[in-house]
Amino acid sequence: MEMIIEIVQGVGGILISLISIYIWILIVTALLSFVNPDPYNPIVQFLHRITNPVYVFLRRFIRTDFNNLDLAPLILIIGLQVLIVILGSLLRSL
């Protein structure tokens, strides 16, 4: 039984790490939006390809545009941080 708990904790740790990496990708994409990078750059296209579907999903349920400032990255980062805290506490309680 302890082996299963260790496997679940390991997979949970990997999931938390992936969520943290995605948070950094959201931050980089939000910062890039201030400097208007070349839209044909492959890195910029990759960043937009992995963040835009989540933004579209979020905008379907929540209004994220306030005074011409898009708060979708901030809302997502806060939500993902809450998810990390919940997952971390669940994994520690095993």
PDB file of N, CA and C in Angstrom:
ATOM      1  N   MET A   1       0.818  -1.197   0.000  1.00  0.00           N
ATOM      2  CA  MET A   1       0.000   0.000   0.000  1.00  0.00           C
ATOM      3  C   MET A   1       0.860   1.259   0.000  1.00  0.00           C
ATOM      4  N   GLU A   2       1.990   1.209   0.699  1.00  0.00           N
ATOM      5  CA  GLU A   2       2.864   2.383   0.735  1.00  0.00           C
ATOM      6  C   GLU A   2       3.452   2.690  -0.630  1.00  0.00           C
ATOM      7  N   MET A   3       3.666   1.648  -1.429  1.00  0.00           N
ATOM      8  CA  MET A   3       4.234   1.852  -2.755  1.00  0.00           C
ATOM      9  C   MET A   3       3.258   2.633  -3.639  1.00  0.00           C
ATOM     10  N   ILE A   4       1.970   2.336  -3.538  1.00  0.00           N
ATOM     11  CA  ILE A   4       0.954   3.048  -4.322  1.00  0.00           C
ATOM     12  C   ILE A   4       0.900   4.516  -3.902  1.00  0.00           C
ATOM     13  N   ILE A   5       1.001   4.765  -2.597  1.00  0.00           N
ATOM     14  CA  ILE A   5       0.983   6.141  -2.102  1.00  0.00           C
ATOM     15  C   ILE A   5       2.188   6.912  -2.627  1.00  0.00           C
ATOM     16  N   GLU A   6       3.361   6.269  -2.650  1.00  0.00           N
ATOM     17  CA  GLU A   6       4.560   6.937  -3.175  1.00  0.00           C
ATOM     18  C   GLU A   6       4.428   7.222  -4.662  1.00  0.00           C
ATOM     19  N   ILE A   7       3.821   6.309  -5.407  1.00  0.00           N
ATOM     20  CA  ILE A   7       3.613   6.532  -6.842  1.00  0.00           C
ATOM     21  C   ILE A   7       2.658   7.704  -7.059  1.00  0.00           C
ATOM     22  N   VAL A   8       1.571   7.740  -6.297  1.00  0.00           N
ATOM     23  CA  VAL A   8       0.610   8.841  -6.415  1.00  0.00           C
ATOM     24  C   VAL A   8       1.281  10.165  -6.050  1.00  0.00           C
ATOM     25  N   GLN A   9       2.099  10.178  -5.002  1.00  0.00           N
ATOM     26  CA  GLN A   9       2.798  11.405  -4.623  1.00  0.00           C
ATOM     27  C   GLN A   9       3.795  11.827  -5.695  1.00  0.00           C
ATOM     28  N   GLY A  10       4.449  10.858  -6.325  1.00  0.00           N
ATOM     29  CA  GLY A  10       5.388  11.186  -7.406  1.00  0.00           C
ATOM     30  C   GLY A  10       4.692  11.783  -8.612  1.00  0.00           C
ATOM     31  N   VAL A  11       3.589  11.160  -9.009  1.00  0.00           N
ATOM     32  CA  VAL A  11       2.820  11.683 -10.143  1.00  0.00           C
ATOM     33  C   VAL A  11       2.250  13.057  -9.802  1.00  0.00           C
ATOM     34  N   GLY A  12       1.802  13.232  -8.561  1.00  0.00           N
ATOM     35  CA  GLY A  12       1.300  14.536  -8.130  1.00  0.00           C
ATOM     36  C   GLY A  12       2.383  15.602  -8.152  1.00  0.00           C
ATOM     37  N   GLY A  13       3.593  15.223  -7.751  1.00  0.00           N
ATOM     38  CA  GLY A  13       4.712  16.167  -7.805  1.00  0.00           C
ATOM     39  C   GLY A  13       5.036  16.578  -9.223  1.00  0.00           C
ATOM     40  N   ILE A  14       4.978  15.619 -10.145  1.00  0.00           N
ATOM     41  CA  ILE A  14       5.209  15.936 -11.559  1.00  0.00           C
ATOM     42  C   ILE A  14       4.114  16.865 -12.077  1.00  0.00           C
ATOM     43  N   LEU A  15       2.870  16.607 -11.692  1.00  0.00           N
ATOM     44  CA  LEU A  15       1.761  17.460 -12.111  1.00  0.00           C
ATOM     45  C   LEU A  15       1.919  18.878 -11.583  1.00  0.00           C
ATOM     46  N   ILE A  16       2.332  19.014 -10.338  1.00  0.00           N
ATOM     47  CA  ILE A  16       2.561  20.342  -9.763  1.00  0.00           C
ATOM     48  C   ILE A  16       3.678  21.054 -10.508  1.00  0.00           C
ATOM     49  N   SER A  17       4.726  20.323 -10.880  1.00  0.00           N
ATOM     50  CA  SER A  17       5.825  20.926 -11.643  1.00  0.00           C
ATOM     51  C   SER A  17       5.359  21.394 -13.015  1.00  0.00           C
ATOM     52  N   LEU A  18       4.533  20.588 -13.674  1.00  0.00           N
ATOM     53  CA  LEU A  18       4.015  20.987 -14.989  1.00  0.00           C
ATOM     54  C   LEU A  18       3.123  22.222 -14.891  1.00  0.00           C
ATOM     55  N   ILE A  19       2.340  22.299 -13.839  1.00  0.00           N
ATOM     56  CA  ILE A  19       1.500  23.487 -13.636  1.00  0.00           C
ATOM     57  C   ILE A  19       2.376  24.715 -13.403  1.00  0.00           C
ATOM     58  N   SER A  20       3.456  24.549 -12.647  1.00  0.00           N
ATOM     59  CA  SER A  20       4.376  25.674 -12.402  1.00  0.00           C
ATOM     60  C   SER A  20       5.037  26.131 -13.693  1.00  0.00           C
ATOM     61  N   ILE A  21       5.422  25.195 -14.542  1.00  0.00           N
ATOM     62  CA  ILE A  21       6.011  25.558 -15.829  1.00  0.00           C
ATOM     63  C   ILE A  21       4.991  26.316 -16.681  1.00  0.00           C
ATOM     64  N   TYR A  22       3.748  25.876 -16.673  1.00  0.00           N
ATOM     65  CA  TYR A  22       2.711  26.556 -17.447  1.00  0.00           C
ATOM     66  C   TYR A  22       2.464  27.965 -16.917  1.00  0.00           C
ATOM     67  N   ILE A  23       2.578  28.148 -15.604  1.00  0.00           N
ATOM     68  CA  ILE A  23       2.444  29.491 -15.035  1.00  0.00           C
ATOM     69  C   ILE A  23       3.541  30.398 -15.582  1.00  0.00           C
ATOM     70  N   TRP A  24       4.767  29.895 -15.670  1.00  0.00           N
ATOM     71  CA  TRP A  24       5.854  30.703 -16.217  1.00  0.00           C
ATOM     72  C   TRP A  24       5.624  31.007 -17.700  1.00  0.00           C
ATOM     73  N   ILE A  25       5.061  30.054 -18.420  1.00  0.00           N
ATOM     74  CA  ILE A  25       4.743  30.304 -19.829  1.00  0.00           C
ATOM     75  C   ILE A  25       3.691  31.406 -19.943  1.00  0.00           C
ATOM     76  N   LEU A  26       2.692  31.399 -19.057  1.00  0.00           N
ATOM     77  CA  LEU A  26       1.687  32.459 -19.047  1.00  0.00           C
ATOM     78  C   LEU A  26       2.324  33.816 -18.761  1.00  0.00           C
ATOM     79  N   ILE A  27       3.262  33.850 -17.825  1.00  0.00           N
ATOM     80  CA  ILE A  27       3.935  35.106 -17.481  1.00  0.00           C
ATOM     81  C   ILE A  27       4.737  35.621 -18.665  1.00  0.00           C
ATOM     82  N   VAL A  28       5.486  34.745 -19.315  1.00  0.00           N
ATOM     83  CA  VAL A  28       6.297  35.164 -20.471  1.00  0.00           C
ATOM     84  C   VAL A  28       5.398  35.662 -21.603  1.00  0.00           C
ATOM     85  N   THR A  29       4.308  34.957 -21.848  1.00  0.00           N
ATOM     86  CA  THR A  29       3.387  35.378 -22.910  1.00  0.00           C
ATOM     87  C   THR A  29       2.757  36.730 -22.595  1.00  0.00           C
ATOM     88  N   ALA A  30       2.409  36.942 -21.335  1.00  0.00           N
ATOM     89  CA  ALA A  30       1.826  38.232 -20.949  1.00  0.00           C
ATOM     90  C   ALA A  30       2.849  39.362 -21.106  1.00  0.00           C
ATOM     91  N   LEU A  31       4.089  39.110 -20.731  1.00  0.00           N
ATOM     92  CA  LEU A  31       5.122  40.131 -20.889  1.00  0.00           C
ATOM     93  C   LEU A  31       5.418  40.403 -22.359  1.00  0.00           C
ATOM     94  N   LEU A  32       5.382  39.361 -23.188  1.00  0.00           N
ATOM     95  CA  LEU A  32       5.615  39.557 -24.621  1.00  0.00           C
ATOM     96  C   LEU A  32       4.523  40.386 -25.269  1.00  0.00           C
ATOM     97  N   SER A  33       3.326  40.352 -24.716  1.00  0.00           N
ATOM     98  CA  SER A  33       2.244  41.124 -25.312  1.00  0.00           C
ATOM     99  C   SER A  33       2.478  42.629 -25.190  1.00  0.00           C
ATOM    100  N   PHE A  34       3.342  43.046 -24.278  1.00  0.00           N
ATOM    101  CA  PHE A  34       3.632  44.467 -24.121  1.00  0.00           C
ATOM    102  C   PHE A  34       4.612  44.984 -25.168  1.00  0.00           C
ATOM    103  N   VAL A  35       5.427  44.103 -25.763  1.00  0.00           N
ATOM    104  CA  VAL A  35       6.460  44.554 -26.700  1.00  0.00           C
ATOM    105  C   VAL A  35       6.137  44.239 -28.156  1.00  0.00           C
ATOM    106  N   ASN A  36       4.985  43.605 -28.426  1.00  0.00           N
ATOM    107  CA  ASN A  36       4.571  43.258 -29.783  1.00  0.00           C
ATOM    108  C   ASN A  36       5.678  42.551 -30.573  1.00  0.00           C
ATOM    109  N   PRO A  37       5.963  41.299 -30.223  1.00  0.00           N
ATOM    110  CA  PRO A  37       7.023  40.572 -30.941  1.00  0.00           C
ATOM    111  C   PRO A  37       6.565  40.184 -32.349  1.00  0.00           C
ATOM    112  N   ASP A  38       7.508  39.720 -33.128  1.00  0.00           N
ATOM    113  CA  ASP A  38       7.219  39.272 -34.487  1.00  0.00           C
ATOM    114  C   ASP A  38       6.272  38.071 -34.438  1.00  0.00           C
ATOM    115  N   PRO A  39       5.078  38.188 -35.030  1.00  0.00           N
ATOM    116  CA  PRO A  39       4.112  37.073 -34.944  1.00  0.00           C
ATOM    117  C   PRO A  39       4.543  35.836 -35.725  1.00  0.00           C
ATOM    118  N   TYR A  40       5.546  35.957 -36.586  1.00  0.00           N
ATOM    119  CA  TYR A  40       6.013  34.816 -37.370  1.00  0.00           C
ATOM    120  C   TYR A  40       7.178  34.086 -36.705  1.00  0.00           C
ATOM    121  N   ASN A  41       7.612  34.582 -35.561  1.00  0.00           N
ATOM    122  CA  ASN A  41       8.663  33.908 -34.816  1.00  0.00           C
ATOM    123  C   ASN A  41       8.119  32.574 -34.292  1.00  0.00           C
ATOM    124  N   PRO A  42       8.847  31.471 -34.484  1.00  0.00           N
ATOM    125  CA  PRO A  42       8.329  30.161 -34.055  1.00  0.00           C
ATOM    126  C   PRO A  42       8.101  30.060 -32.545  1.00  0.00           C
ATOM    127  N   ILE A  43       8.915  30.728 -31.763  1.00  0.00           N
ATOM    128  CA  ILE A  43       8.746  30.678 -30.309  1.00  0.00           C
ATOM    129  C   ILE A  43       7.476  31.417 -29.913  1.00  0.00           C
ATOM    130  N   VAL A  44       7.238  32.561 -30.507  1.00  0.00           N
ATOM    131  CA  VAL A  44       6.031  33.340 -30.219  1.00  0.00           C
ATOM    132  C   VAL A  44       4.797  32.557 -30.661  1.00  0.00           C
ATOM    133  N   GLN A  45       4.863  31.910 -31.814  1.00  0.00           N
ATOM    134  CA  GLN A  45       3.740  31.107 -32.280  1.00  0.00           C
ATOM    135  C   GLN A  45       3.469  29.942 -31.330  1.00  0.00           C
ATOM    136  N   PHE A  46       4.527  29.293 -30.846  1.00  0.00           N
ATOM    137  CA  PHE A  46       4.361  28.192 -29.887  1.00  0.00           C
ATOM    138  C   PHE A  46       3.702  28.676 -28.604  1.00  0.00           C
ATOM    139  N   LEU A  47       4.169  29.809 -28.081  1.00  0.00           N
ATOM    140  CA  LEU A  47       3.598  30.341 -26.845  1.00  0.00           C
ATOM    141  C   LEU A  47       2.124  30.682 -27.009  1.00  0.00           C
ATOM    142  N   HIS A  48       1.781  31.278 -28.132  1.00  0.00           N
ATOM    143  CA  HIS A  48       0.374  31.620 -28.369  1.00  0.00           C
ATOM    144  C   HIS A  48      -0.478  30.364 -28.588  1.00  0.00           C
ATOM    145  N   ARG A  49       0.123  29.357 -29.220  1.00  0.00           N
ATOM    146  CA  ARG A  49      -0.620  28.124 -29.477  1.00  0.00           C
ATOM    147  C   ARG A  49      -0.969  27.378 -28.189  1.00  0.00           C
ATOM    148  N   ILE A  50      -0.115  27.473 -27.169  1.00  0.00           N
ATOM    149  CA  ILE A  50      -0.423  26.733 -25.941  1.00  0.00           C
ATOM    150  C   ILE A  50      -1.160  27.575 -24.904  1.00  0.00           C
ATOM    151  N   THR A  51      -1.249  28.887 -25.110  1.00  0.00           N
ATOM    152  CA  THR A  51      -1.979  29.711 -24.148  1.00  0.00           C
ATOM    153  C   THR A  51      -3.345  30.163 -24.656  1.00  0.00           C
ATOM    154  N   ASN A  52      -3.489  30.400 -25.944  1.00  0.00           N
ATOM    155  CA  ASN A  52      -4.755  30.926 -26.465  1.00  0.00           C
ATOM    156  C   ASN A  52      -5.955  30.013 -26.239  1.00  0.00           C
ATOM    157  N   PRO A  53      -5.849  28.681 -26.371  1.00  0.00           N
ATOM    158  CA  PRO A  53      -7.037  27.853 -26.094  1.00  0.00           C
ATOM    159  C   PRO A  53      -7.549  28.002 -24.660  1.00  0.00           C
ATOM    160  N   VAL A  54      -6.640  28.155 -23.720  1.00  0.00           N
ATOM    161  CA  VAL A  54      -7.055  28.328 -22.328  1.00  0.00           C
ATOM    162  C   VAL A  54      -7.689  29.702 -22.140  1.00  0.00           C
ATOM    163  N   TYR A  55      -7.136  30.720 -22.793  1.00  0.00           N
ATOM    164  CA  TYR A  55      -7.725  32.056 -22.715  1.00  0.00           C
ATOM    165  C   TYR A  55      -9.137  32.063 -23.293  1.00  0.00           C
ATOM    166  N   VAL A  56      -9.323  31.405 -24.431  1.00  0.00           N
ATOM    167  CA  VAL A  56     -10.641  31.353 -25.060  1.00  0.00           C
ATOM    168  C   VAL A  56     -11.634  30.642 -24.146  1.00  0.00           C
ATOM    169  N   PHE A  57     -11.216  29.538 -23.540  1.00  0.00           N
ATOM    170  CA  PHE A  57     -12.088  28.812 -22.614  1.00  0.00           C
ATOM    171  C   PHE A  57     -12.472  29.681 -21.426  1.00  0.00           C
ATOM    172  N   LEU A  58     -11.501  30.414 -20.859  1.00  0.00           N
ATOM    173  CA  LEU A  58     -11.771  31.280 -19.714  1.00  0.00           C
ATOM    174  C   LEU A  58     -12.688  32.433 -20.095  1.00  0.00           C
ATOM    175  N   ARG A  59     -12.451  33.026 -21.254  1.00  0.00           N
ATOM    176  CA  ARG A  59     -13.269  34.166 -21.694  1.00  0.00           C
ATOM    177  C   ARG A  59     -14.701  33.765 -22.006  1.00  0.00           C
ATOM    178  N   ARG A  60     -14.931  32.491 -22.246  1.00  0.00           N
ATOM    179  CA  ARG A  60     -16.292  32.024 -22.490  1.00  0.00           C
ATOM    180  C   ARG A  60     -17.139  32.142 -21.220  1.00  0.00           C
ATOM    181  N   PHE A  61     -16.520  32.042 -20.048  1.00  0.00           N
ATOM    182  CA  PHE A  61     -17.250  32.052 -18.788  1.00  0.00           C
ATOM    183  C   PHE A  61     -17.092  33.337 -17.984  1.00  0.00           C
ATOM    184  N   ILE A  62     -15.962  34.022 -18.150  1.00  0.00           N
ATOM    185  CA  ILE A  62     -15.671  35.208 -17.343  1.00  0.00           C
ATOM    186  C   ILE A  62     -15.279  36.353 -18.270  1.00  0.00           C
ATOM    187  N   ARG A  63     -15.776  37.540 -17.958  1.00  0.00           N
ATOM    188  CA  ARG A  63     -15.348  38.738 -18.688  1.00  0.00           C
ATOM    189  C   ARG A  63     -13.964  39.126 -18.164  1.00  0.00           C
ATOM    190  N   THR A  64     -12.959  39.122 -19.021  1.00  0.00           N
ATOM    191  CA  THR A  64     -11.584  39.384 -18.580  1.00  0.00           C
ATOM    192  C   THR A  64     -11.042  40.720 -19.057  1.00  0.00           C
ATOM    193  N   ASP A  65     -11.811  41.456 -19.833  1.00  0.00           N
ATOM    194  CA  ASP A  65     -11.345  42.738 -20.364  1.00  0.00           C
ATOM    195  C   ASP A  65     -11.896  43.868 -19.507  1.00  0.00           C
ATOM    196  N   PHE A  66     -11.016  44.537 -18.770  1.00  0.00           N
ATOM    197  CA  PHE A  66     -11.402  45.663 -17.928  1.00  0.00           C
ATOM    198  C   PHE A  66     -10.564  46.876 -18.308  1.00  0.00           C
ATOM    199  N   ASN A  67     -11.219  47.919 -18.800  1.00  0.00           N
ATOM    200  CA  ASN A  67     -10.549  49.160 -19.205  1.00  0.00           C
ATOM    201  C   ASN A  67      -9.415  48.894 -20.197  1.00  0.00           C
ATOM    202  N   ASN A  68      -9.701  48.085 -21.199  1.00  0.00           N
ATOM    203  CA  ASN A  68      -8.733  47.725 -22.240  1.00  0.00           C
ATOM    204  C   ASN A  68      -7.497  47.003 -21.694  1.00  0.00           C
ATOM    205  N   LEU A  69      -7.634  46.355 -20.572  1.00  0.00           N
ATOM    206  CA  LEU A  69      -6.555  45.557 -19.995  1.00  0.00           C
ATOM    207  C   LEU A  69      -7.076  44.133 -19.828  1.00  0.00           C
ATOM    208  N   ASP A  70      -6.407  43.191 -20.492  1.00  0.00           N
ATOM    209  CA  ASP A  70      -6.841  41.796 -20.430  1.00  0.00           C
ATOM    210  C   ASP A  70      -6.282  41.144 -19.167  1.00  0.00           C
ATOM    211  N   LEU A  71      -7.167  40.734 -18.292  1.00  0.00           N
ATOM    212  CA  LEU A  71      -6.761  40.122 -17.027  1.00  0.00           C
ATOM    213  C   LEU A  71      -6.819  38.594 -17.064  1.00  0.00           C
ATOM    214  N   ALA A  72      -6.972  38.012 -18.236  1.00  0.00           N
ATOM    215  CA  ALA A  72      -7.043  36.558 -18.347  1.00  0.00           C
ATOM    216  C   ALA A  72      -5.777  35.875 -17.804  1.00  0.00           C
ATOM    217  N   PRO A  73      -4.563  36.363 -18.125  1.00  0.00           N
ATOM    218  CA  PRO A  73      -3.380  35.702 -17.556  1.00  0.00           C
ATOM    219  C   PRO A  73      -3.355  35.759 -16.026  1.00  0.00           C
ATOM    220  N   LEU A  74      -3.738  36.879 -15.463  1.00  0.00           N
ATOM    221  CA  LEU A  74      -3.735  37.018 -14.008  1.00  0.00           C
ATOM    222  C   LEU A  74      -4.743  36.072 -13.365  1.00  0.00           C
ATOM    223  N   ILE A  75      -5.939  35.981 -13.946  1.00  0.00           N
ATOM    224  CA  ILE A  75      -6.965  35.090 -13.408  1.00  0.00           C
ATOM    225  C   ILE A  75      -6.499  33.639 -13.495  1.00  0.00           C
ATOM    226  N   LEU A  76      -5.885  33.284 -14.634  1.00  0.00           N
ATOM    227  CA  LEU A  76      -5.385  31.914 -14.778  1.00  0.00           C
ATOM    228  C   LEU A  76      -4.273  31.600 -13.796  1.00  0.00           C
ATOM    229  N   ILE A  77      -3.360  32.529 -13.612  1.00  0.00           N
ATOM    230  CA  ILE A  77      -2.243  32.297 -12.687  1.00  0.00           C
ATOM    231  C   ILE A  77      -2.755  32.120 -11.266  1.00  0.00           C
ATOM    232  N   ILE A  78      -3.693  32.951 -10.860  1.00  0.00           N
ATOM    233  CA  ILE A  78      -4.261  32.813  -9.509  1.00  0.00           C
ATOM    234  C   ILE A  78      -4.975  31.466  -9.368  1.00  0.00           C
ATOM    235  N   GLY A  79      -5.749  31.087 -10.377  1.00  0.00           N
ATOM    236  CA  GLY A  79      -6.441  29.802 -10.329  1.00  0.00           C
ATOM    237  C   GLY A  79      -5.485  28.619 -10.281  1.00  0.00           C
ATOM    238  N   LEU A  80      -4.413  28.697 -11.063  1.00  0.00           N
ATOM    239  CA  LEU A  80      -3.436  27.605 -11.055  1.00  0.00           C
ATOM    240  C   LEU A  80      -2.661  27.548  -9.741  1.00  0.00           C
ATOM    241  N   GLN A  81      -2.394  28.706  -9.143  1.00  0.00           N
ATOM    242  CA  GLN A  81      -1.725  28.712  -7.834  1.00  0.00           C
ATOM    243  C   GLN A  81      -2.621  28.077  -6.772  1.00  0.00           C
ATOM    244  N   VAL A  82      -3.916  28.356  -6.827  1.00  0.00           N
ATOM    245  CA  VAL A  82      -4.857  27.723  -5.892  1.00  0.00           C
ATOM    246  C   VAL A  82      -4.854  26.214  -6.106  1.00  0.00           C
ATOM    247  N   LEU A  83      -4.841  25.787  -7.364  1.00  0.00           N
ATOM    248  CA  LEU A  83      -4.795  24.361  -7.670  1.00  0.00           C
ATOM    249  C   LEU A  83      -3.521  23.708  -7.129  1.00  0.00           C
ATOM    250  N   ILE A  84      -2.383  24.396  -7.227  1.00  0.00           N
ATOM    251  CA  ILE A  84      -1.123  23.871  -6.690  1.00  0.00           C
ATOM    252  C   ILE A  84      -1.218  23.698  -5.179  1.00  0.00           C
ATOM    253  N   VAL A  85      -1.785  24.681  -4.498  1.00  0.00           N
ATOM    254  CA  VAL A  85      -1.918  24.590  -3.037  1.00  0.00           C
ATOM    255  C   VAL A  85      -2.817  23.417  -2.648  1.00  0.00           C
ATOM    256  N   ILE A  86      -3.926  23.263  -3.359  1.00  0.00           N
ATOM    257  CA  ILE A  86      -4.847  22.165  -3.048  1.00  0.00           C
ATOM    258  C   ILE A  86      -4.190  20.814  -3.310  1.00  0.00           C
ATOM    259  N   LEU A  87      -3.535  20.670  -4.468  1.00  0.00           N
ATOM    260  CA  LEU A  87      -2.867  19.409  -4.773  1.00  0.00           C
ATOM    261  C   LEU A  87      -1.750  19.107  -3.778  1.00  0.00           C
ATOM    262  N   GLY A  88      -0.985  20.133  -3.424  1.00  0.00           N
ATOM    263  CA  GLY A  88       0.093  19.932  -2.465  1.00  0.00           C
ATOM    264  C   GLY A  88      -0.410  19.473  -1.117  1.00  0.00           C
ATOM    265  N   SER A  89      -1.508  20.065  -0.661  1.00  0.00           N
ATOM    266  CA  SER A  89      -2.044  19.660   0.646  1.00  0.00           C
ATOM    267  C   SER A  89      -2.645  18.256   0.581  1.00  0.00           C
ATOM    268  N   LEU A  90      -3.260  17.907  -0.542  1.00  0.00           N
ATOM    269  CA  LEU A  90      -3.781  16.545  -0.689  1.00  0.00           C
ATOM    270  C   LEU A  90      -2.667  15.508  -0.705  1.00  0.00           C
ATOM    271  N   LEU A  91      -1.579  15.843  -1.400  1.00  0.00           N
ATOM    272  CA  LEU A  91      -0.471  14.892  -1.470  1.00  0.00           C
ATOM    273  C   LEU A  91       0.236  14.734  -0.135  1.00  0.00           C
ATOM    274  N   ARG A  92       0.321  15.817   0.633  1.00  0.00           N
ATOM    275  CA  ARG A  92       0.962  15.707   1.956  1.00  0.00           C
ATOM    276  C   ARG A  92       0.105  14.946   2.938  1.00  0.00           C
ATOM    277  N   SER A  93      -1.217  14.941   2.717  1.00  0.00           N
ATOM    278  CA  SER A  93      -2.090  14.256   3.650  1.00  0.00           C
ATOM    279  C   SER A  93      -2.130  12.750   3.437  1.00  0.00           C
ATOM    280  N   LEU A  94      -1.557  12.277   2.331  1.00  0.00           N
ATOM    281  CA  LEU A  94      -1.536  10.820   2.076  1.00  0.00           C
ATOM    282  C   LEU A  94      -0.594  10.104   3.008  1.00  0.00           C
TER     283      LEU A  94
END
